[in-house]
Amino acid sequence: MLNWRRDPGYEQRMMQRRKEIKQIKSDTEQIWNETEQIKSETEQLKLENAKLRELNAKGKELLSSAALLCSPPDINLIPPNSTVQD
Protein backbone atom coordinates (compact mmCIF):
# COMPACT_ATOMS: atom_id res chain seq x y z
CA MET A 1 0.00 0.00 0.00
CA LEU A 2 1.14 3.52 -0.78
CA ASN A 3 1.81 5.97 1.95
CA TRP A 4 -0.59 8.64 0.65
CA ARG A 5 -2.22 11.37 2.69
CA ARG A 6 -4.65 13.89 1.45
CA ASP A 7 -3.24 17.44 1.38
CA PRO A 8 -5.63 19.43 3.58
CA GLY A 9 -4.71 22.78 1.99
CA TYR A 10 -5.00 21.58 -1.61
CA GLU A 11 -8.68 22.46 -2.08
CA GLN A 12 -8.20 25.83 -0.43
CA ARG A 13 -5.21 26.66 -2.65
CA MET A 14 -7.12 25.56 -5.75
CA MET A 15 -10.07 27.79 -4.83
CA GLN A 16 -7.67 30.66 -4.25
CA ARG A 17 -6.02 30.10 -7.65
CA ARG A 18 -9.43 29.96 -9.35
CA LYS A 19 -10.36 33.28 -7.73
CA GLU A 20 -7.05 34.79 -8.86
CA ILE A 21 -7.58 33.53 -12.42
CA LYS A 22 -11.11 34.95 -12.46
CA GLN A 23 -9.82 38.30 -11.17
CA ILE A 24 -7.04 38.36 -13.78
CA LYS A 25 -9.56 37.66 -16.54
CA SER A 26 -11.78 40.45 -15.23
CA ASP A 27 -8.84 42.86 -15.03
CA THR A 28 -7.75 41.91 -18.54
CA GLU A 29 -11.23 42.56 -19.92
CA GLN A 30 -11.39 45.92 -18.14
CA ILE A 31 -7.99 46.92 -19.54
CA TRP A 32 -9.10 45.86 -23.02
CA ASN A 33 -12.27 47.98 -22.71
CA GLU A 34 -10.28 50.96 -21.46
CA THR A 35 -7.82 50.55 -24.33
CA GLU A 36 -10.68 50.55 -26.84
CA GLN A 37 -12.13 53.67 -25.19
CA ILE A 38 -8.75 55.41 -25.38
CA LYS A 39 -8.44 54.48 -29.06
CA SER A 40 -11.88 55.91 -29.73
CA GLU A 41 -11.12 59.11 -27.82
CA THR A 42 -7.78 59.46 -29.60
CA GLU A 43 -9.49 59.18 -32.99
CA GLN A 44 -12.06 61.79 -31.91
CA LEU A 45 -9.28 64.13 -30.78
CA LYS A 46 -7.48 63.70 -34.09
CA LEU A 47 -10.65 64.72 -35.94
CA GLU A 48 -11.19 67.69 -33.65
CA ASN A 49 -7.55 68.77 -34.07
CA ALA A 50 -7.91 68.63 -37.85
CA LYS A 51 -11.03 70.82 -37.64
CA LEU A 52 -9.23 73.25 -35.35
CA ARG A 53 -6.27 73.47 -37.73
CA GLU A 54 -8.68 74.22 -40.56
CA LEU A 55 -10.47 76.89 -38.51
CA ASN A 56 -7.15 78.42 -37.46
CA ALA A 57 -6.05 78.65 -41.08
CA LYS A 58 -9.35 80.33 -42.02
CA GLY A 59 -9.01 82.69 -39.05
CA LYS A 60 -5.50 83.68 -40.12
CA GLU A 61 -6.76 84.35 -43.64
CA LEU A 62 -9.57 86.54 -42.29
CA LEU A 63 -7.20 88.46 -40.03
CA SER A 64 -4.85 88.99 -42.92
CA SER A 65 -7.70 90.27 -45.10
CA ALA A 66 -9.02 92.47 -42.30
CA ALA A 67 -5.57 93.94 -41.72
CA LEU A 68 -5.35 94.92 -45.39
CA LEU A 69 -8.83 96.46 -45.37
CA CYS A 70 -8.43 98.25 -42.06
CA SER A 71 -4.87 99.48 -42.37
CA PRO A 72 -4.49 103.26 -42.22
CA PRO A 73 -4.27 104.91 -45.61
CA ASP A 74 -0.98 106.17 -46.91
CA ILE A 75 -0.07 109.41 -45.10
CA ASN A 76 0.89 111.16 -48.36
CA LEU A 77 -2.65 110.76 -49.71
CA ILE A 78 -4.33 112.60 -46.81
CA PRO A 79 -4.54 116.38 -47.28
CA PRO A 80 -3.26 118.33 -44.30
CA ASN A 81 -5.92 119.77 -41.99
CA SER A 82 -6.22 123.50 -42.08
CA THR A 83 -5.24 125.10 -38.79
CA VAL A 84 -6.65 128.48 -39.77
CA GLN A 85 -10.19 129.07 -38.58
CA ASP A 86 -12.60 130.85 -40.88
PDB file of N, CA and C in Angstrom:
ATOM      1  N   MET A   1       0.816  -1.174   0.000  1.00  0.00           N
ATOM      2  CA  MET A   1       0.000   0.000   0.000  1.00  0.00           C
ATOM      3  C   MET A   1       0.870   1.251   0.000  1.00  0.00           C
ATOM      4  N   LEU A   2       0.399   2.270  -0.719  1.00  0.00           N
ATOM      5  CA  LEU A   2       1.142   3.516  -0.785  1.00  0.00           C
ATOM      6  C   LEU A   2       0.910   4.343   0.470  1.00  0.00           C
ATOM      7  N   ASN A   3       1.921   5.081   0.812  1.00  0.00           N
ATOM      8  CA  ASN A   3       1.810   5.971   1.954  1.00  0.00           C
ATOM      9  C   ASN A   3       1.295   7.326   1.442  1.00  0.00           C
ATOM     10  N   TRP A   4       0.001   7.438   1.237  1.00  0.00           N
ATOM     11  CA  TRP A   4      -0.593   8.638   0.653  1.00  0.00           C
ATOM     12  C   TRP A   4      -1.510   9.286   1.664  1.00  0.00           C
ATOM     13  N   ARG A   5      -1.316  10.598   1.832  1.00  0.00           N
ATOM     14  CA  ARG A   5      -2.215  11.367   2.691  1.00  0.00           C
ATOM     15  C   ARG A   5      -2.792  12.514   1.875  1.00  0.00           C
ATOM     16  N   ARG A   6      -4.005  12.775   2.140  1.00  0.00           N
ATOM     17  CA  ARG A   6      -4.649  13.891   1.454  1.00  0.00           C
ATOM     18  C   ARG A   6      -4.060  15.197   1.973  1.00  0.00           C
ATOM     19  N   ASP A   7      -3.767  16.107   1.024  1.00  0.00           N
ATOM     20  CA  ASP A   7      -3.238  17.437   1.382  1.00  0.00           C
ATOM     21  C   ASP A   7      -4.412  18.305   1.828  1.00  0.00           C
ATOM     22  N   PRO A   8      -4.461  18.670   3.096  1.00  0.00           N
ATOM     23  CA  PRO A   8      -5.629  19.426   3.581  1.00  0.00           C
ATOM     24  C   PRO A   8      -5.732  20.827   2.979  1.00  0.00           C
ATOM     25  N   GLY A   9      -4.666  21.432   2.545  1.00  0.00           N
ATOM     26  CA  GLY A   9      -4.709  22.784   1.993  1.00  0.00           C
ATOM     27  C   GLY A   9      -4.903  22.822   0.490  1.00  0.00           C
ATOM     28  N   TYR A  10      -4.923  21.639  -0.157  1.00  0.00           N
ATOM     29  CA  TYR A  10      -5.003  21.582  -1.615  1.00  0.00           C
ATOM     30  C   TYR A  10      -6.260  22.268  -2.145  1.00  0.00           C
ATOM     31  N   GLU A  11      -7.419  21.880  -1.602  1.00  0.00           N
ATOM     32  CA  GLU A  11      -8.684  22.461  -2.080  1.00  0.00           C
ATOM     33  C   GLU A  11      -8.712  23.970  -1.862  1.00  0.00           C
ATOM     34  N   GLN A  12      -8.211  24.403  -0.730  1.00  0.00           N
ATOM     35  CA  GLN A  12      -8.197  25.834  -0.429  1.00  0.00           C
ATOM     36  C   GLN A  12      -7.288  26.582  -1.407  1.00  0.00           C
ATOM     37  N   ARG A  13      -6.124  26.028  -1.697  1.00  0.00           N
ATOM     38  CA  ARG A  13      -5.205  26.661  -2.649  1.00  0.00           C
ATOM     39  C   ARG A  13      -5.804  26.691  -4.053  1.00  0.00           C
ATOM     40  N   MET A  14      -6.490  25.601  -4.427  1.00  0.00           N
ATOM     41  CA  MET A  14      -7.122  25.556  -5.754  1.00  0.00           C
ATOM     42  C   MET A  14      -8.220  26.614  -5.860  1.00  0.00           C
ATOM     43  N   MET A  15      -9.026  26.765  -4.821  1.00  0.00           N
ATOM     44  CA  MET A  15     -10.074  27.787  -4.829  1.00  0.00           C
ATOM     45  C   MET A  15      -9.451  29.184  -4.930  1.00  0.00           C
ATOM     46  N   GLN A  16      -8.351  29.377  -4.203  1.00  0.00           N
ATOM     47  CA  GLN A  16      -7.670  30.664  -4.249  1.00  0.00           C
ATOM     48  C   GLN A  16      -7.137  30.953  -5.654  1.00  0.00           C
ATOM     49  N   ARG A  17      -6.544  29.938  -6.284  1.00  0.00           N
ATOM     50  CA  ARG A  17      -6.016  30.104  -7.652  1.00  0.00           C
ATOM     51  C   ARG A  17      -7.143  30.391  -8.640  1.00  0.00           C
ATOM     52  N   ARG A  18      -8.290  29.716  -8.463  1.00  0.00           N
ATOM     53  CA  ARG A  18      -9.434  29.960  -9.350  1.00  0.00           C
ATOM     54  C   ARG A  18      -9.933  31.401  -9.196  1.00  0.00           C
ATOM     55  N   LYS A  19      -9.970  31.889  -7.965  1.00  0.00           N
ATOM     56  CA  LYS A  19     -10.364  33.279  -7.728  1.00  0.00           C
ATOM     57  C   LYS A  19      -9.375  34.232  -8.387  1.00  0.00           C
ATOM     58  N   GLU A  20      -8.080  33.938  -8.246  1.00  0.00           N
ATOM     59  CA  GLU A  20      -7.054  34.790  -8.861  1.00  0.00           C
ATOM     60  C   GLU A  20      -7.181  34.802 -10.371  1.00  0.00           C
ATOM     61  N   ILE A  21      -7.419  33.637 -10.949  1.00  0.00           N
ATOM     62  CA  ILE A  21      -7.575  33.534 -12.415  1.00  0.00           C
ATOM     63  C   ILE A  21      -8.796  34.337 -12.860  1.00  0.00           C
ATOM     64  N   LYS A  22      -9.904  34.201 -12.117  1.00  0.00           N
ATOM     65  CA  LYS A  22     -11.114  34.948 -12.460  1.00  0.00           C
ATOM     66  C   LYS A  22     -10.856  36.454 -12.370  1.00  0.00           C
ATOM     67  N   GLN A  23     -10.137  36.878 -11.336  1.00  0.00           N
ATOM     68  CA  GLN A  23      -9.820  38.300 -11.174  1.00  0.00           C
ATOM     69  C   GLN A  23      -8.914  38.787 -12.299  1.00  0.00           C
ATOM     70  N   ILE A  24      -7.942  37.992 -12.681  1.00  0.00           N
ATOM     71  CA  ILE A  24      -7.040  38.364 -13.776  1.00  0.00           C
ATOM     72  C   ILE A  24      -7.819  38.497 -15.083  1.00  0.00           C
ATOM     73  N   LYS A  25      -8.746  37.573 -15.328  1.00  0.00           N
ATOM     74  CA  LYS A  25      -9.561  37.662 -16.541  1.00  0.00           C
ATOM     75  C   LYS A  25     -10.412  38.928 -16.521  1.00  0.00           C
ATOM     76  N   SER A  26     -10.970  39.238 -15.367  1.00  0.00           N
ATOM     77  CA  SER A  26     -11.779  40.446 -15.231  1.00  0.00           C
ATOM     78  C   SER A  26     -10.931  41.696 -15.453  1.00  0.00           C
ATOM     79  N   ASP A  27      -9.748  41.726 -14.854  1.00  0.00           N
ATOM     80  CA  ASP A  27      -8.840  42.863 -15.030  1.00  0.00           C
ATOM     81  C   ASP A  27      -8.431  43.015 -16.491  1.00  0.00           C
ATOM     82  N   THR A  28      -8.152  41.896 -17.137  1.00  0.00           N
ATOM     83  CA  THR A  28      -7.751  41.909 -18.545  1.00  0.00           C
ATOM     84  C   THR A  28      -8.867  42.482 -19.415  1.00  0.00           C
ATOM     85  N   GLU A  29     -10.099  42.058 -19.150  1.00  0.00           N
ATOM     86  CA  GLU A  29     -11.231  42.561 -19.920  1.00  0.00           C
ATOM     87  C   GLU A  29     -11.422  44.058 -19.692  1.00  0.00           C
ATOM     88  N   GLN A  30     -11.260  44.496 -18.445  1.00  0.00           N
ATOM     89  CA  GLN A  30     -11.388  45.917 -18.140  1.00  0.00           C
ATOM     90  C   GLN A  30     -10.304  46.725 -18.855  1.00  0.00           C
ATOM     91  N   ILE A  31      -9.086  46.234 -18.847  1.00  0.00           N
ATOM     92  CA  ILE A  31      -7.988  46.922 -19.535  1.00  0.00           C
ATOM     93  C   ILE A  31      -8.262  46.982 -21.031  1.00  0.00           C
ATOM     94  N   TRP A  32      -8.781  45.893 -21.591  1.00  0.00           N
ATOM     95  CA  TRP A  32      -9.097  45.862 -23.020  1.00  0.00           C
ATOM     96  C   TRP A  32     -10.160  46.915 -23.328  1.00  0.00           C
ATOM     97  N   ASN A  33     -11.204  46.986 -22.489  1.00  0.00           N
ATOM     98  CA  ASN A  33     -12.266  47.977 -22.708  1.00  0.00           C
ATOM     99  C   ASN A  33     -11.726  49.404 -22.595  1.00  0.00           C
ATOM    100  N   GLU A  34     -10.869  49.627 -21.617  1.00  0.00           N
ATOM    101  CA  GLU A  34     -10.280  50.959 -21.462  1.00  0.00           C
ATOM    102  C   GLU A  34      -9.391  51.299 -22.652  1.00  0.00           C
ATOM    103  N   THR A  35      -8.678  50.326 -23.155  1.00  0.00           N
ATOM    104  CA  THR A  35      -7.825  50.547 -24.331  1.00  0.00           C
ATOM    105  C   THR A  35      -8.674  50.925 -25.535  1.00  0.00           C
ATOM    106  N   GLU A  36      -9.787  50.229 -25.729  1.00  0.00           N
ATOM    107  CA  GLU A  36     -10.677  50.550 -26.842  1.00  0.00           C
ATOM    108  C   GLU A  36     -11.257  51.957 -26.676  1.00  0.00           C
ATOM    109  N   GLN A  37     -11.601  52.323 -25.460  1.00  0.00           N
ATOM    110  CA  GLN A  37     -12.125  53.668 -25.189  1.00  0.00           C
ATOM    111  C   GLN A  37     -11.073  54.719 -25.509  1.00  0.00           C
ATOM    112  N   ILE A  38      -9.841  54.468 -25.110  1.00  0.00           N
ATOM    113  CA  ILE A  38      -8.753  55.411 -25.383  1.00  0.00           C
ATOM    114  C   ILE A  38      -8.523  55.534 -26.885  1.00  0.00           C
ATOM    115  N   LYS A  39      -8.588  54.423 -27.603  1.00  0.00           N
ATOM    116  CA  LYS A  39      -8.436  54.476 -29.063  1.00  0.00           C
ATOM    117  C   LYS A  39      -9.531  55.333 -29.678  1.00  0.00           C
ATOM    118  N   SER A  40     -10.752  55.143 -29.211  1.00  0.00           N
ATOM    119  CA  SER A  40     -11.884  55.912 -29.729  1.00  0.00           C
ATOM    120  C   SER A  40     -11.715  57.401 -29.426  1.00  0.00           C
ATOM    121  N   GLU A  41     -11.321  57.709 -28.198  1.00  0.00           N
ATOM    122  CA  GLU A  41     -11.123  59.105 -27.824  1.00  0.00           C
ATOM    123  C   GLU A  41      -9.964  59.734 -28.595  1.00  0.00           C
ATOM    124  N   THR A  42      -8.920  58.968 -28.839  1.00  0.00           N
ATOM    125  CA  THR A  42      -7.776  59.459 -29.604  1.00  0.00           C
ATOM    126  C   THR A  42      -8.200  59.800 -31.029  1.00  0.00           C
ATOM    127  N   GLU A  43      -9.013  58.932 -31.622  1.00  0.00           N
ATOM    128  CA  GLU A  43      -9.489  59.184 -32.986  1.00  0.00           C
ATOM    129  C   GLU A  43     -10.358  60.441 -33.009  1.00  0.00           C
ATOM    130  N   GLN A  44     -11.208  60.597 -31.996  1.00  0.00           N
ATOM    131  CA  GLN A  44     -12.055  61.788 -31.915  1.00  0.00           C
ATOM    132  C   GLN A  44     -11.196  63.044 -31.772  1.00  0.00           C
ATOM    133  N   LEU A  45     -10.176  62.981 -30.947  1.00  0.00           N
ATOM    134  CA  LEU A  45      -9.281  64.131 -30.779  1.00  0.00           C
ATOM    135  C   LEU A  45      -8.541  64.466 -32.067  1.00  0.00           C
ATOM    136  N   LYS A  46      -8.145  63.455 -32.808  1.00  0.00           N
ATOM    137  CA  LYS A  46      -7.478  63.701 -34.092  1.00  0.00           C
ATOM    138  C   LYS A  46      -8.411  64.455 -35.036  1.00  0.00           C
ATOM    139  N   LEU A  47      -9.676  64.036 -35.080  1.00  0.00           N
ATOM    140  CA  LEU A  47     -10.647  64.718 -35.939  1.00  0.00           C
ATOM    141  C   LEU A  47     -10.871  66.161 -35.484  1.00  0.00           C
ATOM    142  N   GLU A  48     -10.994  66.345 -34.182  1.00  0.00           N
ATOM    143  CA  GLU A  48     -11.187  67.695 -33.648  1.00  0.00           C
ATOM    144  C   GLU A  48      -9.963  68.571 -33.910  1.00  0.00           C
ATOM    145  N   ASN A  49      -8.777  68.010 -33.789  1.00  0.00           N
ATOM    146  CA  ASN A  49      -7.554  68.765 -34.071  1.00  0.00           C
ATOM    147  C   ASN A  49      -7.492  69.187 -35.533  1.00  0.00           C
ATOM    148  N   ALA A  50      -7.896  68.290 -36.419  1.00  0.00           N
ATOM    149  CA  ALA A  50      -7.905  68.626 -37.846  1.00  0.00           C
ATOM    150  C   ALA A  50      -8.881  69.775 -38.105  1.00  0.00           C
ATOM    151  N   LYS A  51     -10.058  69.734 -37.473  1.00  0.00           N
ATOM    152  CA  LYS A  51     -11.030  70.821 -37.637  1.00  0.00           C
ATOM    153  C   LYS A  51     -10.475  72.131 -37.082  1.00  0.00           C
ATOM    154  N   LEU A  52      -9.810  72.043 -35.937  1.00  0.00           N
ATOM    155  CA  LEU A  52      -9.234  73.254 -35.347  1.00  0.00           C
ATOM    156  C   LEU A  52      -8.124  73.828 -36.218  1.00  0.00           C
ATOM    157  N   ARG A  53      -7.311  72.972 -36.815  1.00  0.00           N
ATOM    158  CA  ARG A  53      -6.269  73.473 -37.726  1.00  0.00           C
ATOM    159  C   ARG A  53      -6.899  74.192 -38.915  1.00  0.00           C
ATOM    160  N   GLU A  54      -7.983  73.610 -39.423  1.00  0.00           N
ATOM    161  CA  GLU A  54      -8.677  74.222 -40.558  1.00  0.00           C
ATOM    162  C   GLU A  54      -9.272  75.575 -40.155  1.00  0.00           C
ATOM    163  N   LEU A  55      -9.895  75.626 -38.985  1.00  0.00           N
ATOM    164  CA  LEU A  55     -10.468  76.890 -38.513  1.00  0.00           C
ATOM    165  C   LEU A  55      -9.382  77.917 -38.237  1.00  0.00           C
ATOM    166  N   ASN A  56      -8.258  77.500 -37.697  1.00  0.00           N
ATOM    167  CA  ASN A  56      -7.148  78.424 -37.457  1.00  0.00           C
ATOM    168  C   ASN A  56      -6.627  79.003 -38.760  1.00  0.00           C
ATOM    169  N   ALA A  57      -6.523  78.164 -39.777  1.00  0.00           N
ATOM    170  CA  ALA A  57      -6.051  78.646 -41.082  1.00  0.00           C
ATOM    171  C   ALA A  57      -7.034  79.672 -41.649  1.00  0.00           C
ATOM    172  N   LYS A  58      -8.343  79.382 -41.535  1.00  0.00           N
ATOM    173  CA  LYS A  58      -9.350  80.335 -42.021  1.00  0.00           C
ATOM    174  C   LYS A  58      -9.295  81.629 -41.211  1.00  0.00           C
ATOM    175  N   GLY A  59      -9.106  81.503 -39.906  1.00  0.00           N
ATOM    176  CA  GLY A  59      -9.009  82.688 -39.055  1.00  0.00           C
ATOM    177  C   GLY A  59      -7.818  83.552 -39.426  1.00  0.00           C
ATOM    178  N   LYS A  60      -6.694  82.918 -39.715  1.00  0.00           N
ATOM    179  CA  LYS A  60      -5.503  83.675 -40.121  1.00  0.00           C
ATOM    180  C   LYS A  60      -5.745  84.393 -41.440  1.00  0.00           C
ATOM    181  N   GLU A  61      -6.431  83.716 -42.364  1.00  0.00           N
ATOM    182  CA  GLU A  61      -6.761  84.352 -43.638  1.00  0.00           C
ATOM    183  C   GLU A  61      -7.656  85.566 -43.416  1.00  0.00           C
ATOM    184  N   LEU A  62      -8.659  85.424 -42.567  1.00  0.00           N
ATOM    185  CA  LEU A  62      -9.566  86.540 -42.288  1.00  0.00           C
ATOM    186  C   LEU A  62      -8.831  87.696 -41.621  1.00  0.00           C
ATOM    187  N   LEU A  63      -7.971  87.395 -40.685  1.00  0.00           N
ATOM    188  CA  LEU A  63      -7.200  88.455 -40.030  1.00  0.00           C
ATOM    189  C   LEU A  63      -6.297  89.172 -41.017  1.00  0.00           C
ATOM    190  N   SER A  64      -5.716  88.395 -41.908  1.00  0.00           N
ATOM    191  CA  SER A  64      -4.855  88.988 -42.916  1.00  0.00           C
ATOM    192  C   SER A  64      -5.666  89.920 -43.827  1.00  0.00           C
ATOM    193  N   SER A  65      -6.833  89.458 -44.240  1.00  0.00           N
ATOM    194  CA  SER A  65      -7.700  90.274 -45.095  1.00  0.00           C
ATOM    195  C   SER A  65      -8.173  91.515 -44.356  1.00  0.00           C
ATOM    196  N   ALA A  66      -8.543  91.341 -43.095  1.00  0.00           N
ATOM    197  CA  ALA A  66      -9.021  92.473 -42.298  1.00  0.00           C
ATOM    198  C   ALA A  66      -7.902  93.485 -42.096  1.00  0.00           C
ATOM    199  N   ALA A  67      -6.698  93.022 -41.908  1.00  0.00           N
ATOM    200  CA  ALA A  67      -5.573  93.938 -41.722  1.00  0.00           C
ATOM    201  C   ALA A  67      -5.358  94.777 -42.977  1.00  0.00           C
ATOM    202  N   LEU A  68      -5.514  94.168 -44.139  1.00  0.00           N
ATOM    203  CA  LEU A  68      -5.351  94.917 -45.389  1.00  0.00           C
ATOM    204  C   LEU A  68      -6.466  95.946 -45.566  1.00  0.00           C
ATOM    205  N   LEU A  69      -7.690  95.550 -45.190  1.00  0.00           N
ATOM    206  CA  LEU A  69      -8.825  96.455 -45.366  1.00  0.00           C
ATOM    207  C   LEU A  69      -8.847  97.567 -44.324  1.00  0.00           C
ATOM    208  N   CYS A  70      -8.343  97.286 -43.162  1.00  0.00           N
ATOM    209  CA  CYS A  70      -8.431  98.249 -42.059  1.00  0.00           C
ATOM    210  C   CYS A  70      -7.135  99.000 -41.803  1.00  0.00           C
ATOM    211  N   SER A  71      -6.145  98.795 -42.612  1.00  0.00           N
ATOM    212  CA  SER A  71      -4.873  99.482 -42.372  1.00  0.00           C
ATOM    213  C   SER A  71      -5.045 100.958 -42.687  1.00  0.00           C
ATOM    214  N   PRO A  72      -4.348 101.811 -41.971  1.00  0.00           N
ATOM    215  CA  PRO A  72      -4.488 103.258 -42.222  1.00  0.00           C
ATOM    216  C   PRO A  72      -4.015 103.594 -43.637  1.00  0.00           C
ATOM    217  N   PRO A  73      -4.681 104.537 -44.246  1.00  0.00           N
ATOM    218  CA  PRO A  73      -4.275 104.914 -45.610  1.00  0.00           C
ATOM    219  C   PRO A  73      -2.885 105.545 -45.601  1.00  0.00           C
ATOM    220  N   ASP A  74      -2.316 105.599 -46.759  1.00  0.00           N
ATOM    221  CA  ASP A  74      -0.981 106.174 -46.914  1.00  0.00           C
ATOM    222  C   ASP A  74      -1.024 107.637 -46.494  1.00  0.00           C
ATOM    223  N   ILE A  75      -0.103 108.046 -45.667  1.00  0.00           N
ATOM    224  CA  ILE A  75      -0.070 109.414 -45.105  1.00  0.00           C
ATOM    225  C   ILE A  75       0.040 110.461 -46.209  1.00  0.00           C
ATOM    226  N   ASN A  76       0.703 110.174 -47.290  1.00  0.00           N
ATOM    227  CA  ASN A  76       0.890 111.159 -48.361  1.00  0.00           C
ATOM    228  C   ASN A  76      -0.409 111.441 -49.107  1.00  0.00           C
ATOM    229  N   LEU A  77      -1.402 110.564 -48.992  1.00  0.00           N
ATOM    230  CA  LEU A  77      -2.652 110.757 -49.715  1.00  0.00           C
ATOM    231  C   LEU A  77      -3.649 111.597 -48.927  1.00  0.00           C
ATOM    232  N   ILE A  78      -3.411 111.830 -47.646  1.00  0.00           N
ATOM    233  CA  ILE A  78      -4.328 112.604 -46.813  1.00  0.00           C
ATOM    234  C   ILE A  78      -3.937 114.077 -46.879  1.00  0.00           C
ATOM    235  N   PRO A  79      -4.874 114.946 -47.263  1.00  0.00           N
ATOM    236  CA  PRO A  79      -4.542 116.379 -47.283  1.00  0.00           C
ATOM    237  C   PRO A  79      -4.384 116.892 -45.858  1.00  0.00           C
ATOM    238  N   PRO A  80      -3.467 117.805 -45.654  1.00  0.00           N
ATOM    239  CA  PRO A  80      -3.263 118.327 -44.300  1.00  0.00           C
ATOM    240  C   PRO A  80      -4.477 119.109 -43.859  1.00  0.00           C
ATOM    241  N   ASN A  81      -4.795 118.996 -42.568  1.00  0.00           N
ATOM    242  CA  ASN A  81      -5.919 119.770 -41.993  1.00  0.00           C
ATOM    243  C   ASN A  81      -5.525 121.217 -41.907  1.00  0.00           C
ATOM    244  N   SER A  82      -6.486 122.054 -42.190  1.00  0.00           N
ATOM    245  CA  SER A  82      -6.219 123.500 -42.078  1.00  0.00           C
ATOM    246  C   SER A  82      -6.284 123.882 -40.610  1.00  0.00           C
ATOM    247  N   THR A  83      -5.286 124.650 -40.190  1.00  0.00           N
ATOM    248  CA  THR A  83      -5.238 125.099 -38.793  1.00  0.00           C
ATOM    249  C   THR A  83      -5.817 126.506 -38.658  1.00  0.00           C
ATOM    250  N   VAL A  84      -6.104 127.116 -39.789  1.00  0.00           N
ATOM    251  CA  VAL A  84      -6.652 128.478 -39.770  1.00  0.00           C
ATOM    252  C   VAL A  84      -8.159 128.359 -39.671  1.00  0.00           C
ATOM    253  N   GLN A  85      -8.728 129.099 -38.725  1.00  0.00           N
ATOM    254  CA  GLN A  85     -10.187 129.073 -38.583  1.00  0.00           C
ATOM    255  C   GLN A  85     -10.795 130.169 -39.434  1.00  0.00           C
ATOM    256  N   ASP A  86     -11.924 129.876 -40.012  1.00  0.00           N
ATOM    257  CA  ASP A  86     -12.599 130.852 -40.885  1.00  0.00           C
ATOM    258  C   ASP A  86     -13.241 131.928 -40.105  1.00  0.00           C
TER     259      ASP A  86
END
